[in-house]
PDB file of N, CA and C in Angstrom:
ATOM      1  N   MET A   1      -5.356 -20.624   2.854  1.00  0.00           N
ATOM      2  CA  MET A   1      -3.799 -20.814   2.637  1.00  0.00           C
ATOM      3  C   MET A   1      -3.200 -19.641   1.988  1.00  0.00           C
ATOM      4  N   LYS A   2      -2.032 -19.443   2.448  1.00  0.00           N
ATOM      5  CA  LYS A   2      -1.329 -18.098   2.212  1.00  0.00           C
ATOM      6  C   LYS A   2      -0.611 -18.400   0.753  1.00  0.00           C
ATOM      7  N   HIS A   3      -0.584 -17.411  -0.167  1.00  0.00           N
ATOM      8  CA  HIS A   3      -0.147 -17.581  -1.303  1.00  0.00           C
ATOM      9  C   HIS A   3       1.127 -16.904  -1.649  1.00  0.00           C
ATOM     10  N   PHE A   4       1.703 -16.019  -0.672  1.00  0.00           N
ATOM     11  CA  PHE A   4       2.797 -15.243  -1.071  1.00  0.00           C
ATOM     12  C   PHE A   4       4.175 -16.076  -0.838  1.00  0.00           C
ATOM     13  N   LYS A   5       5.186 -15.750  -1.624  1.00  0.00           N
ATOM     14  CA  LYS A   5       6.352 -16.582  -1.436  1.00  0.00           C
ATOM     15  C   LYS A   5       7.553 -15.707  -0.707  1.00  0.00           C
ATOM     16  N   SER A   6       7.561 -14.330  -1.133  1.00  0.00           N
ATOM     17  CA  SER A   6       8.491 -13.622  -0.533  1.00  0.00           C
ATOM     18  C   SER A   6       8.302 -12.220  -0.115  1.00  0.00           C
ATOM     19  N   VAL A   7       8.839 -11.516   0.765  1.00  0.00           N
ATOM     20  CA  VAL A   7       8.561 -10.129   1.070  1.00  0.00           C
ATOM     21  C   VAL A   7       9.964  -9.565   1.267  1.00  0.00           C
ATOM     22  N   GLU A   8      10.153  -8.404   0.357  1.00  0.00           N
ATOM     23  CA  GLU A   8      11.623  -7.707   0.601  1.00  0.00           C
ATOM     24  C   GLU A   8      11.204  -6.365   0.741  1.00  0.00           C
ATOM     25  N   PHE A   9      11.827  -5.700   1.695  1.00  0.00           N
ATOM     26  CA  PHE A   9      11.856  -4.107   1.911  1.00  0.00           C
ATOM     27  C   PHE A   9      12.879  -3.488   1.191  1.00  0.00           C
ATOM     28  N   SER A  10      12.639  -2.424   0.558  1.00  0.00           N
ATOM     29  CA  SER A  10      13.687  -1.637  -0.012  1.00  0.00           C
ATOM     30  C   SER A  10      13.796  -0.268   0.555  1.00  0.00           C
ATOM     31  N   ASP A  11      14.523  -0.205   1.442  1.00  0.00           N
ATOM     32  CA  ASP A  11      14.954   1.050   2.365  1.00  0.00           C
ATOM     33  C   ASP A  11      13.688   1.506   3.060  1.00  0.00           C
ATOM     34  N   GLY A  12      12.676   0.680   3.333  1.00  0.00           N
ATOM     35  CA  GLY A  12      11.511   1.295   4.235  1.00  0.00           C
ATOM     36  C   GLY A  12      10.647   2.203   3.627  1.00  0.00           C
ATOM     37  N   ASN A  13      11.008   2.615   2.411  1.00  0.00           N
ATOM     38  CA  ASN A  13       9.923   3.182   1.564  1.00  0.00           C
ATOM     39  C   ASN A  13       8.807   2.357   0.796  1.00  0.00           C
ATOM     40  N   SER A  14       9.170   1.123   0.801  1.00  0.00           N
ATOM     41  CA  SER A  14       8.210   0.295  -0.016  1.00  0.00           C
ATOM     42  C   SER A  14       8.484  -1.284   0.420  1.00  0.00           C
ATOM     43  N   PHE A  15       7.506  -2.010  -0.123  1.00  0.00           N
ATOM     44  CA  PHE A  15       7.776  -3.458   0.150  1.00  0.00           C
ATOM     45  C   PHE A  15       7.099  -4.278  -1.114  1.00  0.00           C
ATOM     46  N   GLU A  16       7.797  -5.438  -1.396  1.00  0.00           N
ATOM     47  CA  GLU A  16       7.377  -6.396  -2.493  1.00  0.00           C
ATOM     48  C   GLU A  16       6.965  -7.667  -2.095  1.00  0.00           C
ATOM     49  N   ILE A  17       5.844  -8.151  -2.694  1.00  0.00           N
ATOM     50  CA  ILE A  17       5.490  -9.469  -2.336  1.00  0.00           C
ATOM     51  C   ILE A  17       5.425 -10.137  -3.681  1.00  0.00           C
ATOM     52  N   ILE A  18       5.824 -11.312  -3.785  1.00  0.00           N
ATOM     53  CA  ILE A  18       5.539 -12.182  -4.856  1.00  0.00           C
ATOM     54  C   ILE A  18       4.640 -13.271  -4.542  1.00  0.00           C
ATOM     55  N   TYR A  19       3.275 -13.298  -5.288  1.00  0.00           N
ATOM     56  CA  TYR A  19       2.429 -14.132  -5.117  1.00  0.00           C
ATOM     57  C   TYR A  19       2.358 -15.166  -6.090  1.00  0.00           C
ATOM     58  N   GLU A  20       2.343 -16.521  -5.540  1.00  0.00           N
ATOM     59  CA  GLU A  20       2.317 -17.663  -6.392  1.00  0.00           C
ATOM     60  C   GLU A  20       1.005 -18.069  -6.332  1.00  0.00           C
ATOM     61  N   ASN A  21       0.640 -19.160  -7.499  1.00  0.00           N
ATOM     62  CA  ASN A  21      -0.607 -19.908  -7.423  1.00  0.00           C
ATOM     63  C   ASN A  21      -1.909 -18.880  -7.770  1.00  0.00           C
ATOM     64  N   CYS A  22      -1.626 -17.925  -8.355  1.00  0.00           N
ATOM     65  CA  CYS A  22      -2.702 -16.908  -8.441  1.00  0.00           C
ATOM     66  C   CYS A  22      -2.524 -16.215  -9.938  1.00  0.00           C
ATOM     67  N   THR A  23      -3.786 -15.472 -10.207  1.00  0.00           N
ATOM     68  CA  THR A  23      -3.739 -14.631 -11.449  1.00  0.00           C
ATOM     69  C   THR A  23      -3.828 -13.176 -10.976  1.00  0.00           C
ATOM     70  N   ALA A  24      -3.426 -12.346 -11.963  1.00  0.00           N
ATOM     71  CA  ALA A  24      -3.532 -10.849 -11.471  1.00  0.00           C
ATOM     72  C   ALA A  24      -4.797 -10.145 -11.334  1.00  0.00           C
ATOM     73  N   LYS A  25      -5.794 -10.563 -12.129  1.00  0.00           N
ATOM     74  CA  LYS A  25      -7.229  -9.787 -11.819  1.00  0.00           C
ATOM     75  C   LYS A  25      -7.794 -10.166 -10.464  1.00  0.00           C
ATOM     76  N   PRO A  26      -7.902 -11.524 -10.092  1.00  0.00           N
ATOM     77  CA  PRO A  26      -8.510 -11.746  -8.893  1.00  0.00           C
ATOM     78  C   PRO A  26      -7.676 -11.265  -7.671  1.00  0.00           C
ATOM     79  N   LEU A  27      -6.406 -11.295  -7.961  1.00  0.00           N
ATOM     80  CA  LEU A  27      -5.473 -10.604  -6.828  1.00  0.00           C
ATOM     81  C   LEU A  27      -5.675  -9.113  -6.747  1.00  0.00           C
ATOM     82  N   ALA A  28      -5.695  -8.399  -7.824  1.00  0.00           N
ATOM     83  CA  ALA A  28      -6.052  -7.192  -7.829  1.00  0.00           C
ATOM     84  C   ALA A  28      -7.322  -6.542  -7.149  1.00  0.00           C
ATOM     85  N   ASP A  29      -8.316  -7.466  -7.593  1.00  0.00           N
ATOM     86  CA  ASP A  29      -9.481  -7.247  -6.962  1.00  0.00           C
ATOM     87  C   ASP A  29      -9.571  -7.409  -5.438  1.00  0.00           C
ATOM     88  N   LEU A  30      -8.902  -8.525  -5.015  1.00  0.00           N
ATOM     89  CA  LEU A  30      -8.813  -8.728  -3.636  1.00  0.00           C
ATOM     90  C   LEU A  30      -8.073  -7.668  -2.778  1.00  0.00           C
ATOM     91  N   LEU A  31      -6.701  -7.251  -3.329  1.00  0.00           N
ATOM     92  CA  LEU A  31      -5.923  -6.081  -2.707  1.00  0.00           C
ATOM     93  C   LEU A  31      -6.824  -4.862  -2.746  1.00  0.00           C
ATOM     94  N   HIS A  32      -7.318  -4.483  -3.862  1.00  0.00           N
ATOM     95  CA  HIS A  32      -8.200  -3.334  -3.867  1.00  0.00           C
ATOM     96  C   HIS A  32      -9.358  -3.375  -2.931  1.00  0.00           C
ATOM     97  N   ASP A  33     -10.130  -4.443  -2.652  1.00  0.00           N
ATOM     98  CA  ASP A  33     -10.985  -4.586  -1.693  1.00  0.00           C
ATOM     99  C   ASP A  33     -10.524  -4.404  -0.193  1.00  0.00           C
ATOM    100  N   SER A  34      -9.394  -4.933  -0.168  1.00  0.00           N
ATOM    101  CA  SER A  34      -8.849  -4.865   1.255  1.00  0.00           C
ATOM    102  C   SER A  34      -8.385  -3.453   1.783  1.00  0.00           C
ATOM    103  N   ILE A  35      -7.940  -2.654   0.778  1.00  0.00           N
ATOM    104  CA  ILE A  35      -7.333  -1.514   0.862  1.00  0.00           C
ATOM    105  C   ILE A  35      -8.507  -0.375   0.979  1.00  0.00           C
ATOM    106  N   MET A  36      -9.519  -0.675   0.298  1.00  0.00           N
ATOM    107  CA  MET A  36     -10.827   0.342   0.484  1.00  0.00           C
ATOM    108  C   MET A  36     -11.514  -0.078   1.674  1.00  0.00           C
ATOM    109  N   ALA A  37     -11.715  -1.229   2.217  1.00  0.00           N
ATOM    110  CA  ALA A  37     -12.080  -1.585   3.562  1.00  0.00           C
ATOM    111  C   ALA A  37     -11.337  -0.877   4.568  1.00  0.00           C
ATOM    112  N   ASP A  38     -10.193  -0.585   4.542  1.00  0.00           N
ATOM    113  CA  ASP A  38      -9.428   0.167   5.558  1.00  0.00           C
ATOM    114  C   ASP A  38      -9.685   1.672   5.512  1.00  0.00           C
ATOM    115  N   GLY A  39     -10.456   2.172   4.676  1.00  0.00           N
ATOM    116  CA  GLY A  39     -10.852   3.542   4.582  1.00  0.00           C
ATOM    117  C   GLY A  39     -10.249   4.426   3.493  1.00  0.00           C
ATOM    118  N   TYR A  40      -9.356   3.575   2.765  1.00  0.00           N
ATOM    119  CA  TYR A  40      -8.668   4.439   1.532  1.00  0.00           C
ATOM    120  C   TYR A  40      -9.544   4.635   0.444  1.00  0.00           C
ATOM    121  N   SER A  41      -9.316   5.646  -0.378  1.00  0.00           N
ATOM    122  CA  SER A  41     -10.025   5.898  -1.494  1.00  0.00           C
ATOM    123  C   SER A  41      -9.135   5.921  -2.853  1.00  0.00           C
ATOM    124  N   VAL A  42      -9.487   5.755  -3.953  1.00  0.00           N
ATOM    125  CA  VAL A  42      -8.717   5.903  -5.199  1.00  0.00           C
ATOM    126  C   VAL A  42      -8.182   7.117  -5.631  1.00  0.00           C
ATOM    127  N   ASP A  43      -7.046   7.557  -5.530  1.00  0.00           N
ATOM    128  CA  ASP A  43      -6.492   8.887  -6.071  1.00  0.00           C
ATOM    129  C   ASP A  43      -6.309   8.960  -7.512  1.00  0.00           C
ATOM    130  N   SER A  44      -5.805   8.036  -7.972  1.00  0.00           N
ATOM    131  CA  SER A  44      -5.451   7.949  -9.374  1.00  0.00           C
ATOM    132  C   SER A  44      -5.104   6.440  -9.823  1.00  0.00           C
ATOM    133  N   GLY A  45      -5.063   6.387 -11.118  1.00  0.00           N
ATOM    134  CA  GLY A  45      -4.761   4.844 -11.711  1.00  0.00           C
ATOM    135  C   GLY A  45      -5.772   4.107 -12.142  1.00  0.00           C
ATOM    136  N   MET A  46      -5.191   2.814 -12.718  1.00  0.00           N
ATOM    137  CA  MET A  46      -6.194   1.746 -12.974  1.00  0.00           C
ATOM    138  C   MET A  46      -5.928   0.700 -12.147  1.00  0.00           C
ATOM    139  N   LEU A  47      -6.886  -0.279 -12.053  1.00  0.00           N
ATOM    140  CA  LEU A  47      -6.775  -1.436 -11.162  1.00  0.00           C
ATOM    141  C   LEU A  47      -5.339  -2.098 -11.470  1.00  0.00           C
ATOM    142  N   GLY A  48      -4.549  -2.573 -10.290  1.00  0.00           N
ATOM    143  CA  GLY A  48      -3.241  -3.127 -10.656  1.00  0.00           C
ATOM    144  C   GLY A  48      -2.037  -2.165 -10.851  1.00  0.00           C
ATOM    145  N   ASN A  49      -2.527  -0.807 -10.849  1.00  0.00           N
ATOM    146  CA  ASN A  49      -1.312   0.497 -10.936  1.00  0.00           C
ATOM    147  C   ASN A  49      -2.134   1.329 -10.305  1.00  0.00           C
ATOM    148  N   ARG A  50      -2.182   1.483  -9.152  1.00  0.00           N
ATOM    149  CA  ARG A  50      -3.272   2.599  -8.627  1.00  0.00           C
ATOM    150  C   ARG A  50      -2.662   3.294  -7.278  1.00  0.00           C
ATOM    151  N   THR A  51      -2.958   4.454  -7.101  1.00  0.00           N
ATOM    152  CA  THR A  51      -2.550   5.245  -5.978  1.00  0.00           C
ATOM    153  C   THR A  51      -3.856   5.499  -5.009  1.00  0.00           C
ATOM    154  N   TYR A  52      -3.512   5.029  -3.790  1.00  0.00           N
ATOM    155  CA  TYR A  52      -4.830   5.178  -2.809  1.00  0.00           C
ATOM    156  C   TYR A  52      -4.334   6.174  -1.859  1.00  0.00           C
ATOM    157  N   VAL A  53      -5.289   6.855  -1.242  1.00  0.00           N
ATOM    158  CA  VAL A  53      -4.998   7.854  -0.240  1.00  0.00           C
ATOM    159  C   VAL A  53      -6.043   7.831   0.813  1.00  0.00           C
ATOM    160  N   LYS A  54      -5.651   8.115   2.052  1.00  0.00           N
ATOM    161  CA  LYS A  54      -6.529   8.096   3.189  1.00  0.00           C
ATOM    162  C   LYS A  54      -6.243   9.271   4.072  1.00  0.00           C
ATOM    163  N   GLY A  55      -7.258  10.144   4.288  1.00  0.00           N
ATOM    164  CA  GLY A  55      -7.268  11.345   5.096  1.00  0.00           C
ATOM    165  C   GLY A  55      -7.332  12.522   4.128  1.00  0.00           C
ATOM    166  N   ASN A  56      -6.756  13.619   4.637  1.00  0.00           N
ATOM    167  CA  ASN A  56      -6.935  14.944   3.676  1.00  0.00           C
ATOM    168  C   ASN A  56      -5.693  15.623   3.807  1.00  0.00           C
ATOM    169  N   ARG A  57      -5.020  15.860   2.782  1.00  0.00           N
ATOM    170  CA  ARG A  57      -3.696  16.520   2.749  1.00  0.00           C
ATOM    171  C   ARG A  57      -3.676  17.912   3.466  1.00  0.00           C
ATOM    172  N   ILE A  58      -4.709  18.848   3.160  1.00  0.00           N
ATOM    173  CA  ILE A  58      -4.798  20.123   3.764  1.00  0.00           C
ATOM    174  C   ILE A  58      -4.822  20.014   5.124  1.00  0.00           C
ATOM    175  N   ALA A  59      -5.721  19.208   5.672  1.00  0.00           N
ATOM    176  CA  ALA A  59      -5.807  18.959   7.120  1.00  0.00           C
ATOM    177  C   ALA A  59      -4.516  18.516   7.709  1.00  0.00           C
ATOM    178  N   ARG A  60      -3.876  17.663   7.070  1.00  0.00           N
ATOM    179  CA  ARG A  60      -2.634  17.245   7.708  1.00  0.00           C
ATOM    180  C   ARG A  60      -1.512  18.370   7.777  1.00  0.00           C
ATOM    181  N   LEU A  61      -1.599  19.311   6.830  1.00  0.00           N
ATOM    182  CA  LEU A  61      -0.627  20.448   6.653  1.00  0.00           C
ATOM    183  C   LEU A  61      -1.054  21.645   7.873  1.00  0.00           C
ATOM    184  N   LEU A  62      -2.472  21.629   8.109  1.00  0.00           N
ATOM    185  CA  LEU A  62      -2.601  22.548   9.153  1.00  0.00           C
ATOM    186  C   LEU A  62      -2.645  21.872  10.481  1.00  0.00           C
ATOM    187  N   LEU A  63      -2.737  20.941  10.706  1.00  0.00           N
ATOM    188  CA  LEU A  63      -3.006  20.272  12.068  1.00  0.00           C
ATOM    189  C   LEU A  63      -1.702  19.104  12.222  1.00  0.00           C
ATOM    190  N   GLY A  64      -0.925  19.142  11.535  1.00  0.00           N
ATOM    191  CA  GLY A  64       0.279  17.977  11.802  1.00  0.00           C
ATOM    192  C   GLY A  64      -0.193  16.726  11.984  1.00  0.00           C
ATOM    193  N   ALA A  65       0.442  16.169  13.042  1.00  0.00           N
ATOM    194  CA  ALA A  65       0.422  14.835  13.348  1.00  0.00           C
ATOM    195  C   ALA A  65      -0.851  14.398  14.000  1.00  0.00           C
ATOM    196  N   PHE A  66      -1.723  15.655  14.206  1.00  0.00           N
ATOM    197  CA  PHE A  66      -2.980  15.399  14.830  1.00  0.00           C
ATOM    198  C   PHE A  66      -3.947  14.800  13.929  1.00  0.00           C
ATOM    199  N   TYR A  67      -3.686  14.922  12.529  1.00  0.00           N
ATOM    200  CA  TYR A  67      -4.493  14.463  11.359  1.00  0.00           C
ATOM    201  C   TYR A  67      -3.965  13.594  10.530  1.00  0.00           C
ATOM    202  N   LYS A  68      -4.215  12.404  10.461  1.00  0.00           N
ATOM    203  CA  LYS A  68      -3.513  11.433   9.780  1.00  0.00           C
ATOM    204  C   LYS A  68      -3.679  11.552   8.260  1.00  0.00           C
ATOM    205  N   TYR A  69      -2.550  11.404   7.431  1.00  0.00           N
ATOM    206  CA  TYR A  69      -2.686  11.392   5.912  1.00  0.00           C
ATOM    207  C   TYR A  69      -1.817  10.252   5.488  1.00  0.00           C
ATOM    208  N   PHE A  70      -2.212   9.383   4.747  1.00  0.00           N
ATOM    209  CA  PHE A  70      -1.444   8.410   3.996  1.00  0.00           C
ATOM    210  C   PHE A  70      -1.662   8.456   2.617  1.00  0.00           C
ATOM    211  N   LYS A  71      -0.706   8.113   1.704  1.00  0.00           N
ATOM    212  CA  LYS A  71      -0.816   7.891   0.296  1.00  0.00           C
ATOM    213  C   LYS A  71       0.224   6.759  -0.452  1.00  0.00           C
ATOM    214  N   PHE A  72      -0.267   5.873  -0.850  1.00  0.00           N
ATOM    215  CA  PHE A  72       0.541   4.677  -1.173  1.00  0.00           C
ATOM    216  C   PHE A  72       0.076   4.393  -2.610  1.00  0.00           C
ATOM    217  N   HIS A  73       1.372   3.782  -3.348  1.00  0.00           N
ATOM    218  CA  HIS A  73       0.925   3.476  -4.682  1.00  0.00           C
ATOM    219  C   HIS A  73       1.236   1.897  -4.804  1.00  0.00           C
ATOM    220  N   VAL A  74       0.250   1.102  -5.498  1.00  0.00           N
ATOM    221  CA  VAL A  74       0.236  -0.185  -5.617  1.00  0.00           C
ATOM    222  C   VAL A  74       0.305  -0.494  -7.027  1.00  0.00           C
ATOM    223  N   LYS A  75       1.377  -1.237  -7.185  1.00  0.00           N
ATOM    224  CA  LYS A  75       1.767  -1.603  -8.803  1.00  0.00           C
ATOM    225  C   LYS A  75       1.800  -3.347  -8.589  1.00  0.00           C
ATOM    226  N   MET A  76       1.323  -3.826  -9.859  1.00  0.00           N
ATOM    227  CA  MET A  76       1.367  -5.238  -9.898  1.00  0.00           C
ATOM    228  C   MET A  76       1.889  -5.556 -11.408  1.00  0.00           C
ATOM    229  N   LYS A  77       2.718  -6.660 -11.457  1.00  0.00           N
ATOM    230  CA  LYS A  77       3.216  -7.171 -12.597  1.00  0.00           C
ATOM    231  C   LYS A  77       3.158  -8.648 -12.762  1.00  0.00           C
ATOM    232  N   THR A  78       2.675  -9.071 -13.805  1.00  0.00           N
ATOM    233  CA  THR A  78       2.403 -10.484 -14.040  1.00  0.00           C
ATOM    234  C   THR A  78       3.988 -11.121 -14.364  1.00  0.00           C
ATOM    235  N   LEU A  79       4.317 -12.022 -13.450  1.00  0.00           N
ATOM    236  CA  LEU A  79       5.614 -12.538 -13.919  1.00  0.00           C
ATOM    237  C   LEU A  79       5.658 -13.895 -14.842  1.00  0.00           C
ATOM    238  N   ASP A  80       4.507 -14.587 -14.648  1.00  0.00           N
ATOM    239  CA  ASP A  80       4.083 -15.939 -15.585  1.00  0.00           C
ATOM    240  C   ASP A  80       2.598 -16.096 -15.274  1.00  0.00           C
ATOM    241  N   ASP A  81       1.933 -17.020 -15.744  1.00  0.00           N
ATOM    242  CA  ASP A  81       0.558 -17.469 -15.781  1.00  0.00           C
ATOM    243  C   ASP A  81       0.048 -17.621 -14.155  1.00  0.00           C
ATOM    244  N   LYS A  82       1.012 -17.862 -13.199  1.00  0.00           N
ATOM    245  CA  LYS A  82       0.568 -18.063 -11.973  1.00  0.00           C
ATOM    246  C   LYS A  82       1.393 -17.285 -10.840  1.00  0.00           C
ATOM    247  N   THR A  83       2.207 -16.394 -11.273  1.00  0.00           N
ATOM    248  CA  THR A  83       2.939 -15.527 -10.466  1.00  0.00           C
ATOM    249  C   THR A  83       2.698 -14.003 -10.618  1.00  0.00           C
ATOM    250  N   VAL A  84       2.449 -13.309  -9.728  1.00  0.00           N
ATOM    251  CA  VAL A  84       2.226 -11.814  -9.634  1.00  0.00           C
ATOM    252  C   VAL A  84       3.181 -11.186  -8.767  1.00  0.00           C
ATOM    253  N   HIS A  85       3.852 -10.031  -9.085  1.00  0.00           N
ATOM    254  CA  HIS A  85       4.589  -9.435  -8.196  1.00  0.00           C
ATOM    255  C   HIS A  85       3.994  -8.097  -7.813  1.00  0.00           C
ATOM    256  N   VAL A  86       3.968  -7.668  -6.525  1.00  0.00           N
ATOM    257  CA  VAL A  86       3.171  -6.498  -6.263  1.00  0.00           C
ATOM    258  C   VAL A  86       4.169  -5.517  -5.425  1.00  0.00           C
ATOM    259  N   THR A  87       4.216  -4.427  -5.775  1.00  0.00           N
ATOM    260  CA  THR A  87       5.077  -3.442  -5.078  1.00  0.00           C
ATOM    261  C   THR A  87       4.156  -2.351  -4.454  1.00  0.00           C
ATOM    262  N   VAL A  88       4.383  -1.931  -3.208  1.00  0.00           N
ATOM    263  CA  VAL A  88       3.641  -0.953  -2.615  1.00  0.00           C
ATOM    264  C   VAL A  88       4.585   0.021  -2.216  1.00  0.00           C
ATOM    265  N   ASN A  89       4.582   1.296  -2.891  1.00  0.00           N
ATOM    266  CA  ASN A  89       5.445   2.514  -2.434  1.00  0.00           C
ATOM    267  C   ASN A  89       4.590   3.499  -1.699  1.00  0.00           C
ATOM    268  N   LYS A  90       5.365   4.212  -0.647  1.00  0.00           N
ATOM    269  CA  LYS A  90       4.897   5.242  -0.086  1.00  0.00           C
ATOM    270  C   LYS A  90       4.887   6.554  -1.062  1.00  0.00           C
ATOM    271  N   ALA A  91       3.887   7.266  -1.121  1.00  0.00           N
ATOM    272  CA  ALA A  91       3.618   8.341  -1.974  1.00  0.00           C
ATOM    273  C   ALA A  91       3.468   9.672  -1.306  1.00  0.00           C
ATOM    274  N   THR A  92       3.800   9.481   0.164  1.00  0.00           N
ATOM    275  CA  THR A  92       4.241  10.721   0.904  1.00  0.00           C
ATOM    276  C   THR A  92       5.037  10.405   2.164  1.00  0.00           C
ATOM    277  N   THR A  93       5.623  11.215   2.458  1.00  0.00           N
ATOM    278  CA  THR A  93       6.776  10.883   3.684  1.00  0.00           C
ATOM    279  C   THR A  93       6.321  10.986   4.906  1.00  0.00           C
ATOM    280  N   GLY A  94       5.257  11.835   5.135  1.00  0.00           N
ATOM    281  CA  GLY A  94       4.539  12.218   6.444  1.00  0.00           C
ATOM    282  C   GLY A  94       5.292  13.336   7.153  1.00  0.00           C
ATOM    283  N   MET A  95       6.142  13.917   6.346  1.00  0.00           N
ATOM    284  CA  MET A  95       6.966  15.236   6.905  1.00  0.00           C
ATOM    285  C   MET A  95       6.230  16.439   7.394  1.00  0.00           C
ATOM    286  N   SER A  96       4.990  16.451   6.955  1.00  0.00           N
ATOM    287  CA  SER A  96       4.154  17.636   7.285  1.00  0.00           C
ATOM    288  C   SER A  96       3.364  17.240   8.457  1.00  0.00           C
ATOM    289  N   GLY A  97       3.728  16.055   9.167  1.00  0.00           N
ATOM    290  CA  GLY A  97       3.358  15.839  10.645  1.00  0.00           C
ATOM    291  C   GLY A  97       4.503  15.647  11.337  1.00  0.00           C
ATOM    292  N   GLY A  98       5.704  16.047  10.970  1.00  0.00           N
ATOM    293  CA  GLY A  98       7.029  16.030  11.803  1.00  0.00           C
ATOM    294  C   GLY A  98       7.370  14.584  12.186  1.00  0.00           C
ATOM    295  N   VAL A  99       8.118  14.291  13.134  1.00  0.00           N
ATOM    296  CA  VAL A  99       8.581  13.106  13.411  1.00  0.00           C
ATOM    297  C   VAL A  99       7.664  12.194  13.569  1.00  0.00           C
ATOM    298  N   ILE A 100       6.540  12.605  14.120  1.00  0.00           N
ATOM    299  CA  ILE A 100       5.507  11.638  14.587  1.00  0.00           C
ATOM    300  C   ILE A 100       4.586  11.251  13.388  1.00  0.00           C
ATOM    301  N   GLY A 101       4.456  12.039  12.384  1.00  0.00           N
ATOM    302  CA  GLY A 101       4.001  11.845  11.103  1.00  0.00           C
ATOM    303  C   GLY A 101       4.921  10.819  10.300  1.00  0.00           C
ATOM    304  N   VAL A 102       6.073  10.978  10.361  1.00  0.00           N
ATOM    305  CA  VAL A 102       7.032   9.951   9.461  1.00  0.00           C
ATOM    306  C   VAL A 102       6.749   8.860  10.160  1.00  0.00           C
ATOM    307  N   ASN A 103       6.946   8.570  11.427  1.00  0.00           N
ATOM    308  CA  ASN A 103       6.473   7.456  12.109  1.00  0.00           C
ATOM    309  C   ASN A 103       5.124   6.648  11.837  1.00  0.00           C
ATOM    310  N   GLN A 104       4.281   7.739  11.661  1.00  0.00           N
ATOM    311  CA  GLN A 104       2.600   7.044  11.318  1.00  0.00           C
ATOM    312  C   GLN A 104       2.776   6.520   9.994  1.00  0.00           C
ATOM    313  N   VAL A 105       3.444   7.118   9.153  1.00  0.00           N
ATOM    314  CA  VAL A 105       3.335   6.542   7.719  1.00  0.00           C
ATOM    315  C   VAL A 105       4.220   5.281   7.602  1.00  0.00           C
ATOM    316  N   LYS A 106       5.416   5.295   8.282  1.00  0.00           N
ATOM    317  CA  LYS A 106       6.046   3.883   8.266  1.00  0.00           C
ATOM    318  C   LYS A 106       5.328   2.801   9.069  1.00  0.00           C
ATOM    319  N   LYS A 107       4.671   3.233  10.192  1.00  0.00           N
ATOM    320  CA  LYS A 107       3.860   2.262  10.781  1.00  0.00           C
ATOM    321  C   LYS A 107       2.689   1.776   9.758  1.00  0.00           C
ATOM    322  N   GLU A 108       2.137   2.554   9.083  1.00  0.00           N
ATOM    323  CA  GLU A 108       0.996   2.217   8.138  1.00  0.00           C
ATOM    324  C   GLU A 108       1.510   1.222   7.025  1.00  0.00           C
ATOM    325  N   LEU A 109       2.767   1.595   6.504  1.00  0.00           N
ATOM    326  CA  LEU A 109       3.341   0.839   5.478  1.00  0.00           C
ATOM    327  C   LEU A 109       3.556  -0.608   6.032  1.00  0.00           C
ATOM    328  N   LYS A 110       3.958  -0.833   7.262  1.00  0.00           N
ATOM    329  CA  LYS A 110       4.085  -2.061   7.845  1.00  0.00           C
ATOM    330  C   LYS A 110       2.711  -2.901   8.067  1.00  0.00           C
ATOM    331  N   ARG A 111       1.684  -2.134   8.692  1.00  0.00           N
ATOM    332  CA  ARG A 111       0.415  -2.781   8.704  1.00  0.00           C
ATOM    333  C   ARG A 111      -0.220  -3.186   7.440  1.00  0.00           C
ATOM    334  N   LEU A 112       0.105  -2.514   6.163  1.00  0.00           N
ATOM    335  CA  LEU A 112      -0.396  -2.777   5.001  1.00  0.00           C
ATOM    336  C   LEU A 112       0.469  -3.971   4.377  1.00  0.00           C
ATOM    337  N   GLN A 113       1.611  -4.168   4.853  1.00  0.00           N
ATOM    338  CA  GLN A 113       2.416  -5.302   4.413  1.00  0.00           C
ATOM    339  C   GLN A 113       1.886  -6.519   5.209  1.00  0.00           C
ATOM    340  N   GLY A 114       1.604  -6.459   6.318  1.00  0.00           N
ATOM    341  CA  GLY A 114       0.794  -7.644   7.295  1.00  0.00           C
ATOM    342  C   GLY A 114      -0.550  -7.936   6.584  1.00  0.00           C
ATOM    343  N   ASN A 115      -1.308  -6.935   5.901  1.00  0.00           N
ATOM    344  CA  ASN A 115      -2.548  -7.328   5.450  1.00  0.00           C
ATOM    345  C   ASN A 115      -2.419  -7.993   4.222  1.00  0.00           C
ATOM    346  N   PHE A 116      -1.480  -7.493   3.374  1.00  0.00           N
ATOM    347  CA  PHE A 116      -1.257  -8.228   2.064  1.00  0.00           C
ATOM    348  C   PHE A 116      -0.662  -9.533   2.211  1.00  0.00           C
ATOM    349  N   GLN A 117       0.150  -9.707   3.160  1.00  0.00           N
ATOM    350  CA  GLN A 117       0.562 -11.295   3.429  1.00  0.00           C
ATOM    351  C   GLN A 117      -0.432 -12.135   3.787  1.00  0.00           C
ATOM    352  N   GLN A 118      -1.667 -11.767   4.182  1.00  0.00           N
ATOM    353  CA  GLN A 118      -2.801 -12.633   4.469  1.00  0.00           C
ATOM    354  C   GLN A 118      -3.394 -13.379   3.210  1.00  0.00           C
ATOM    355  N   PHE A 119      -2.982 -12.926   1.990  1.00  0.00           N
ATOM    356  CA  PHE A 119      -3.568 -13.452   0.837  1.00  0.00           C
ATOM    357  C   PHE A 119      -2.712 -14.576   0.366  1.00  0.00           C
TER     358      PHE A 119
END
């Protein structure tokens, strides 16, 4: 059963999901495991307020759109005992990959949104 209540995009650079009937720690673990299974690694931060990265920034700069690079910040905030607000923001624009790179980052953000809606 899906636990998300609503999804809102703010200008295509982020998305927000409000999860109901759950608590922060198990949700944070679930989201972390999901993003790590997609090949991301932790760039910085603590569970519930963390930046994840996939790919290599230097390779992206050298090879452009031929080498994918994604960086997203996932922040959680507990609204009450059973409601958690999750915000995912792009931490890179994709400009080093040109128009193709920008579109790759937008597409990855939408894919992450779909994954996060599964919980």
